[in-house]
Protein backbone atom coordinates (compact mmCIF):
# COMPACT_ATOMS: atom_id res chain seq x y z
CA MET A 1 41.69 -53.62 -9.74
CA SER A 2 43.70 -51.42 -7.46
CA LYS A 3 41.96 -49.04 -4.98
CA VAL A 4 42.95 -45.93 -6.97
CA ASP A 5 41.44 -47.39 -10.21
CA GLU A 6 38.31 -48.37 -8.23
CA TYR A 7 37.98 -44.78 -7.10
CA LYS A 8 38.54 -43.40 -10.58
CA ASP A 9 35.89 -45.97 -12.00
CA TRP A 10 33.49 -44.80 -9.19
CA GLU A 11 34.24 -41.28 -9.98
CA ALA A 12 33.39 -41.67 -13.71
CA GLN A 13 30.10 -43.30 -12.79
CA ILE A 14 29.25 -40.39 -10.54
CA TYR A 15 29.71 -37.97 -13.41
CA ASN A 16 27.78 -40.09 -15.82
CA THR A 17 24.75 -41.28 -13.64
CA PRO A 18 21.33 -40.12 -14.78
CA ASN A 19 20.49 -37.75 -11.91
CA TYR A 20 18.78 -34.71 -12.95
CA SER A 21 15.32 -34.43 -14.33
CA ILE A 22 14.76 -32.19 -17.46
CA ALA A 23 12.72 -29.96 -15.27
CA ASP A 24 15.48 -29.53 -12.60
CA ALA A 25 18.17 -29.06 -15.07
CA SER A 26 16.15 -26.32 -16.99
CA ARG A 27 15.62 -24.52 -13.76
CA TYR A 28 19.31 -24.72 -12.67
CA LEU A 29 20.51 -23.61 -16.07
CA LYS A 30 17.64 -21.31 -16.93
CA ILE A 31 16.84 -23.16 -20.17
CA PRO A 32 13.16 -23.75 -21.30
CA THR A 33 12.32 -27.24 -20.69
CA SER A 34 11.13 -27.64 -24.38
CA THR A 35 14.49 -26.54 -25.49
CA LEU A 36 16.47 -28.85 -23.27
CA ARG A 37 14.12 -31.72 -24.19
CA SER A 38 14.86 -31.27 -27.94
CA TRP A 39 18.59 -31.15 -27.17
CA LEU A 40 18.33 -34.55 -25.49
CA LYS A 41 15.70 -36.29 -27.48
CA GLY A 42 15.66 -34.55 -30.87
CA ARG A 43 12.50 -33.27 -32.53
CA GLN A 44 10.77 -32.63 -35.97
CA TYR A 45 10.52 -29.25 -37.38
CA HIS A 46 8.84 -27.81 -40.70
CA THR A 47 10.60 -26.40 -43.67
CA LYS A 48 9.50 -25.22 -47.21
CA LEU A 49 10.49 -28.81 -48.27
CA GLY A 50 8.51 -30.51 -45.62
CA LYS A 51 9.18 -32.11 -42.19
CA LYS A 52 12.84 -32.55 -41.19
CA GLU A 53 14.21 -34.51 -38.24
CA PHE A 54 16.58 -32.75 -35.63
CA SER A 55 18.58 -35.38 -33.87
CA SER A 56 19.68 -35.06 -30.18
CA ILE A 57 22.87 -33.02 -29.65
CA ILE A 58 23.50 -34.06 -26.00
CA GLN A 59 24.24 -37.83 -25.48
CA ARG A 60 22.54 -39.03 -22.25
CA PRO A 61 24.38 -41.86 -20.47
CA ASP A 62 21.36 -44.17 -20.97
CA THR A 63 18.54 -43.44 -23.45
CA LYS A 64 16.24 -45.56 -21.42
CA TYR A 65 16.29 -42.64 -18.78
CA SER A 66 15.10 -39.10 -19.51
CA GLN A 67 17.37 -37.76 -16.82
CA LEU A 68 20.58 -35.96 -17.49
CA SER A 69 23.98 -36.76 -15.91
CA PHE A 70 26.35 -34.13 -14.40
CA THR A 71 28.27 -34.29 -17.66
CA ASN A 72 25.10 -33.61 -19.61
CA LEU A 73 24.39 -30.62 -17.27
CA VAL A 74 27.70 -29.01 -18.14
CA GLU A 75 27.27 -29.59 -21.83
CA ALA A 76 23.88 -27.88 -21.66
CA HIS A 77 25.43 -25.10 -19.70
CA VAL A 78 27.86 -24.35 -22.50
CA LEU A 79 25.34 -24.80 -25.32
CA ARG A 80 22.84 -22.29 -23.59
CA VAL A 81 25.15 -19.41 -24.12
CA ILE A 82 26.09 -20.49 -27.60
CA ARG A 83 22.55 -20.55 -28.65
CA ARG A 84 21.29 -17.58 -26.49
CA GLU A 85 24.08 -15.06 -26.93
CA HIS A 86 25.08 -15.90 -30.49
CA LYS A 87 21.82 -17.20 -32.19
CA ILE A 88 23.77 -19.99 -34.09
CA THR A 89 21.52 -22.69 -35.39
CA LEU A 90 21.78 -26.05 -33.74
CA ASN A 91 22.56 -27.80 -37.04
CA LYS A 92 25.66 -25.64 -37.34
CA VAL A 93 26.51 -26.07 -33.61
CA ARG A 94 26.22 -29.76 -34.14
CA ILE A 95 28.64 -29.73 -37.34
CA ALA A 96 31.16 -27.73 -35.10
CA LEU A 97 30.87 -30.10 -32.25
CA ASP A 98 31.25 -33.20 -34.49
CA TYR A 99 34.40 -31.59 -35.79
CA ILE A 100 35.71 -31.10 -32.31
CA ASN A 101 34.65 -34.53 -31.21
CA GLN A 102 36.94 -35.95 -34.03
CA LYS A 103 39.75 -33.74 -32.97
CA PHE A 104 39.52 -34.67 -29.29
CA ASN A 105 38.28 -38.28 -30.02
CA THR A 106 35.59 -37.94 -27.43
CA PRO A 107 31.81 -37.68 -27.46
CA HIS A 108 31.81 -35.05 -24.71
CA PRO A 109 34.44 -32.46 -25.73
CA LEU A 110 32.60 -29.61 -23.92
CA VAL A 111 33.48 -31.08 -20.41
CA GLN A 112 37.06 -31.24 -20.98
CA LYS A 113 39.53 -28.61 -19.87
CA ARG A 114 41.19 -28.75 -23.24
CA PHE A 115 38.07 -27.26 -24.68
CA LYS A 116 38.78 -24.02 -22.70
CA THR A 117 42.36 -23.97 -24.27
CA ASP A 118 42.50 -24.94 -27.92
CA GLY A 119 38.86 -26.24 -28.09
CA VAL A 120 37.36 -22.68 -28.21
CA ASP A 121 39.78 -21.77 -31.17
CA LEU A 122 38.63 -24.90 -32.99
CA PHE A 123 34.93 -24.08 -32.23
CA ILE A 124 35.22 -20.32 -33.47
CA GLU A 125 37.24 -21.60 -36.39
CA GLN A 126 34.20 -23.80 -37.38
CA MET A 127 31.86 -20.95 -36.71
CA GLU A 128 33.65 -18.69 -39.21
CA ALA A 129 33.52 -21.42 -41.83
CA LEU A 130 29.76 -22.09 -41.13
CA VAL A 131 28.29 -18.67 -40.57
CA ASN A 132 29.37 -15.07 -41.38
CA VAL A 133 31.11 -14.09 -38.07
CA SER A 134 32.99 -10.91 -38.09
CA HIS A 135 36.11 -10.18 -36.29
CA SER A 136 34.45 -8.47 -33.61
CA GLY A 137 31.85 -11.10 -33.37
CA GLN A 138 34.64 -13.73 -32.88
CA LEU A 139 36.05 -11.65 -30.17
CA VAL A 140 32.74 -11.48 -28.23
CA MET A 141 32.11 -15.16 -28.76
CA ARG A 142 35.60 -15.90 -27.37
CA LYS A 143 34.97 -13.74 -24.28
CA VAL A 144 31.63 -14.98 -23.47
CA LEU A 145 32.74 -18.75 -23.84
CA GLU A 146 35.75 -18.10 -21.73
CA ASN A 147 33.63 -16.47 -19.01
CA LEU A 148 31.30 -19.41 -19.01
CA LEU A 149 34.10 -22.01 -18.97
CA ASN A 150 35.45 -20.16 -15.89
CA ARG A 151 32.33 -21.32 -14.18
CA ILE A 152 33.51 -24.87 -14.27
CA GLU A 153 36.07 -26.46 -11.97
CA TRP A 154 38.15 -29.29 -13.52
CA ASP A 155 39.47 -32.36 -11.75
CA GLU A 156 43.12 -33.85 -11.94
CA LYS A 157 42.01 -35.65 -15.23
CA ASP A 158 40.96 -32.19 -16.70
CA LEU A 159 37.33 -33.24 -16.81
CA ALA A 160 34.62 -31.00 -15.49
CA ALA A 161 34.03 -31.77 -11.89
CA ARG A 162 32.03 -28.94 -10.48
CA LEU A 163 29.71 -26.29 -11.89
CA PHE A 164 28.88 -22.89 -10.60
CA PRO A 165 25.51 -21.79 -11.96
CA LEU A 166 25.07 -18.09 -12.69
CA ILE A 167 23.02 -16.03 -10.29
CA GLU A 168 21.59 -12.96 -12.17
CA THR A 169 21.82 -9.93 -9.96
CA TYR A 170 21.08 -6.38 -10.32
CA GLY A 171 24.19 -4.23 -9.57
CA GLY A 172 26.03 -7.18 -8.06
CA ASP A 173 28.98 -9.15 -9.06
CA SER A 174 27.44 -11.98 -11.32
CA SER A 175 30.83 -13.54 -11.88
CA ALA A 176 31.29 -14.49 -8.13
CA LYS A 177 30.87 -18.15 -7.27
CA TYR A 178 28.42 -18.62 -4.45
CA ILE A 179 26.34 -21.64 -5.40
CA ALA A 180 28.07 -24.99 -6.48
CA ILE A 181 26.70 -28.16 -8.27
CA ASP A 182 29.04 -31.20 -7.48
CA PRO A 183 28.07 -34.69 -8.14
CA ASN A 184 29.99 -35.74 -5.09
CA VAL A 185 28.31 -33.33 -2.60
CA SER A 186 24.59 -33.59 -1.53
CA PHE A 187 23.67 -35.81 -4.22
CA GLY A 188 24.57 -33.27 -6.90
CA LYS A 189 22.07 -30.61 -5.58
CA PRO A 190 22.89 -26.93 -5.63
CA THR A 191 24.88 -26.03 -2.35
CA ILE A 192 26.45 -23.10 -0.92
CA MET A 193 29.96 -22.91 -2.04
CA SER A 194 32.30 -24.80 0.20
CA THR A 195 29.69 -25.84 2.90
CA GLY A 196 27.75 -28.64 1.29
CA ILE A 197 24.44 -27.07 2.54
CA PRO A 198 21.60 -27.38 -0.19
CA THR A 199 20.31 -24.13 -1.12
CA GLU A 200 16.70 -25.51 -0.98
CA ILE A 201 17.11 -26.26 2.72
CA ILE A 202 18.08 -22.71 3.38
CA THR A 203 15.13 -21.45 1.43
CA GLU A 204 12.71 -23.65 3.27
CA LEU A 205 13.78 -22.33 6.54
CA TYR A 206 13.41 -18.76 5.26
CA ASP A 207 10.00 -19.48 3.87
CA ALA A 208 8.99 -20.93 7.20
CA GLY A 209 9.81 -17.74 8.84
CA ASP A 210 13.48 -17.95 10.10
CA SER A 211 15.34 -14.76 9.51
CA ILE A 212 18.46 -14.72 7.38
CA GLU A 213 20.56 -13.72 10.45
CA GLU A 214 19.23 -16.81 12.27
CA ILE A 215 19.90 -19.25 9.48
CA ALA A 216 23.36 -17.79 8.97
CA GLU A 217 24.18 -18.21 12.59
CA ASP A 218 22.65 -21.78 12.71
CA TYR A 219 24.71 -22.85 9.67
CA ASN A 220 27.89 -20.92 10.38
CA CYS A 221 27.57 -18.92 7.02
CA THR A 222 27.70 -15.30 6.17
CA ILE A 223 24.60 -13.27 5.56
CA LEU A 224 25.55 -12.75 2.03
CA GLN A 225 25.84 -16.48 1.46
CA ILE A 226 22.33 -16.98 2.73
CA GLU A 227 20.90 -14.29 0.67
CA LYS A 228 22.69 -15.60 -2.52
CA ALA A 229 21.16 -19.22 -1.74
CA ILE A 230 17.65 -17.72 -1.28
CA PHE A 231 18.01 -15.58 -4.41
CA PHE A 232 19.34 -18.52 -6.48
CA GLU A 233 16.25 -20.57 -5.37
CA SER A 234 13.81 -17.63 -5.97
CA GLN A 235 15.21 -17.52 -9.63
CA LEU A 236 14.44 -21.34 -9.97
CA VAL A 237 10.77 -20.74 -8.98
CA ALA A 238 10.44 -17.85 -11.45
CA VAL A 239 11.62 -19.99 -14.46
């Protein structure tokens, strides 16, 4: 095996290594742990006809481990908006994703750049067939999905390589990318964009009494970067 092939194999393993606990992933993505657990492990639910089984919708790299991979993290990031913003049932989401899986010939279509191009069209096409989606509803769904997919950075193989989690601010620019999750940087922990500095370290210093100005100077960051790191971590605590 050549050095290039070895690197690509190592890179693929990094993306698919069980690395994130359900608790951490739910905090990073602002998804309830019970919801994320059901996406990963499935669950039973009650209907008028009795109990039914809901199978997992996200395929973990190894079912012996409860942790998510980076690939799973990106999939959950996309599913969160589909469920929260559009209230589409998971059974219908599964049917649409199964359809896209067949078209793309992959079990993880949501982490491919191709999903951002023709994949969104395929998904909306399926949603129109499965639920009563108006033309205005289709437009909203497209815009939300495209905005969400802009928070993913793709590598040369058009696979998701870096995720920029949302920071919910009041009056600020929520589309800006201040925090990054990259499996190749700081063991996949959230870091300040382009620095590799974990947000949790910044917050620990701040909680210990260091001022924002002092931290910014010590780590050669802007005050805004430090504020965003602290705010991001404070949101994780609040989840």
